[in-house]
C-alpha atoms as a PDB file:
ATOM      1  CA  MET A   1       1.405  10.651  11.460  1.00  0.00           C
ATOM      2  CA  ARG A   2       1.688  14.214  10.351  1.00  0.00           C
ATOM      3  CA  MET A   3      -0.357  13.913   7.386  1.00  0.00           C
ATOM      4  CA  ALA A   4      -3.156  12.100   9.580  1.00  0.00           C
ATOM      5  CA  LEU A   5      -2.951  15.291  11.594  1.00  0.00           C
ATOM      6  CA  LEU A   6      -2.907  17.427   8.988  1.00  0.00           C
ATOM      7  CA  HIS A   7      -6.135  16.094   7.425  1.00  0.00           C
ATOM      8  CA  ASP A   8      -7.849  16.213  10.779  1.00  0.00           C
ATOM      9  CA  ALA A   9      -6.714  19.933  11.125  1.00  0.00           C
ATOM     10  CA  SER A  10      -8.499  20.873   8.035  1.00  0.00           C
ATOM     11  CA  GLU A  11     -11.734  19.059   9.020  1.00  0.00           C
ATOM     12  CA  ALA A  12     -11.777  20.822  12.379  1.00  0.00           C
ATOM     13  CA  ARG A  13     -12.260  24.008  10.330  1.00  0.00           C
ATOM     14  CA  ALA A  14     -14.100  23.164   7.233  1.00  0.00           C
ATOM     15  CA  GLY A  15     -16.047  20.273   8.737  1.00  0.00           C
ATOM     16  CA  ASP A  16     -15.899  16.683   7.518  1.00  0.00           C
ATOM     17  CA  ILE A  17     -17.501  16.706   4.209  1.00  0.00           C
ATOM     18  CA  THR A  18     -18.691  13.741   2.680  1.00  0.00           C
ATOM     19  CA  PRO A  19     -19.815  12.761  -0.997  1.00  0.00           C
ATOM     20  CA  HIS A  20     -23.513  13.117   0.577  1.00  0.00           C
ATOM     21  CA  ASP A  21     -23.238  16.758   1.737  1.00  0.00           C
ATOM     22  CA  GLY A  22     -23.693  18.117  -2.144  1.00  0.00           C
ATOM     23  CA  VAL A  23     -20.419  19.754  -2.271  1.00  0.00           C
ATOM     24  CA  SER A  24     -18.162  19.651  -5.100  1.00  0.00           C
ATOM     25  CA  ARG A  25     -14.748  18.006  -4.855  1.00  0.00           C
ATOM     26  CA  GLU A  26     -13.130  21.056  -5.974  1.00  0.00           C
ATOM     27  CA  GLU A  27     -15.213  23.253  -3.252  1.00  0.00           C
ATOM     28  CA  LYS A  28     -14.059  20.544  -0.761  1.00  0.00           C
ATOM     29  CA  LEU A  29     -10.431  20.952  -1.204  1.00  0.00           C
ATOM     30  CA  ARG A  30     -10.791  24.736  -1.549  1.00  0.00           C
ATOM     31  CA  ARG A  31     -12.151  24.906   2.010  1.00  0.00           C
ATOM     32  CA  GLU A  32     -10.074  22.554   3.599  1.00  0.00           C
ATOM     33  CA  ARG A  33      -7.101  24.283   1.827  1.00  0.00           C
ATOM     34  CA  GLU A  34      -8.038  27.559   3.661  1.00  0.00           C
ATOM     35  CA  ALA A  35      -8.737  25.615   6.615  1.00  0.00           C
ATOM     36  CA  VAL A  36      -5.029  24.119   6.822  1.00  0.00           C
ATOM     37  CA  SER A  37      -3.738  27.527   6.017  1.00  0.00           C
ATOM     38  CA  ARG A  38      -5.707  29.247   8.589  1.00  0.00           C
ATOM     39  CA  VAL A  39      -4.468  26.773  11.399  1.00  0.00           C
ATOM     40  CA  PHE A  40      -0.964  27.221  10.851  1.00  0.00           C
ATOM     41  CA  SER A  41      -1.060  30.735   9.412  1.00  0.00           C
ATOM     42  CA  GLU A  42       1.312  31.922  11.996  1.00  0.00           C
ATOM     43  CA  ARG A  43       3.593  29.012  12.557  1.00  0.00           C
ATOM     44  CA  PRO A  44       7.253  28.937  10.949  1.00  0.00           C
ATOM     45  CA  CYS A  45       6.458  25.614   9.553  1.00  0.00           C
ATOM     46  CA  ARG A  46       3.659  26.682   7.326  1.00  0.00           C
ATOM     47  CA  ALA A  47       4.963  25.950   3.914  1.00  0.00           C
ATOM     48  CA  GLU A  48       6.118  22.483   5.325  1.00  0.00           C
ATOM     49  CA  TYR A  49       2.423  21.603   6.712  1.00  0.00           C
ATOM     50  CA  LEU A  50       0.786  22.875   3.542  1.00  0.00           C
ATOM     51  CA  ALA A  51       3.005  20.871   1.548  1.00  0.00           C
ATOM     52  CA  LEU A  52       2.025  17.521   3.038  1.00  0.00           C
ATOM     53  CA  TRP A  53      -1.242  18.298   3.052  1.00  0.00           C
ATOM     54  CA  GLU A  54      -1.103  18.839  -0.592  1.00  0.00           C
ATOM     55  CA  GLU A  55       0.677  15.301  -0.628  1.00  0.00           C
ATOM     56  CA  TYR A  56      -1.765  13.724   1.470  1.00  0.00           C
ATOM     57  CA  GLU A  57      -4.674  15.028  -0.761  1.00  0.00           C
ATOM     58  CA  ALA A  58      -2.941  13.781  -3.984  1.00  0.00           C
ATOM     59  CA  ALA A  59      -2.498  10.486  -2.614  1.00  0.00           C
END
């Protein structure tokens, strides 16, 4: 459940980037990683959430 919410948190900031948007996978991941980092920047659990997001993206 937390992974799904984290995925949506990144898209809330970075947008829902699809293959049709012409954005490379690397750029998409960079934007989403930055978004997750910003959303949780002032939370004590920031590192945990970022790790969960990374795990989600790694499938």
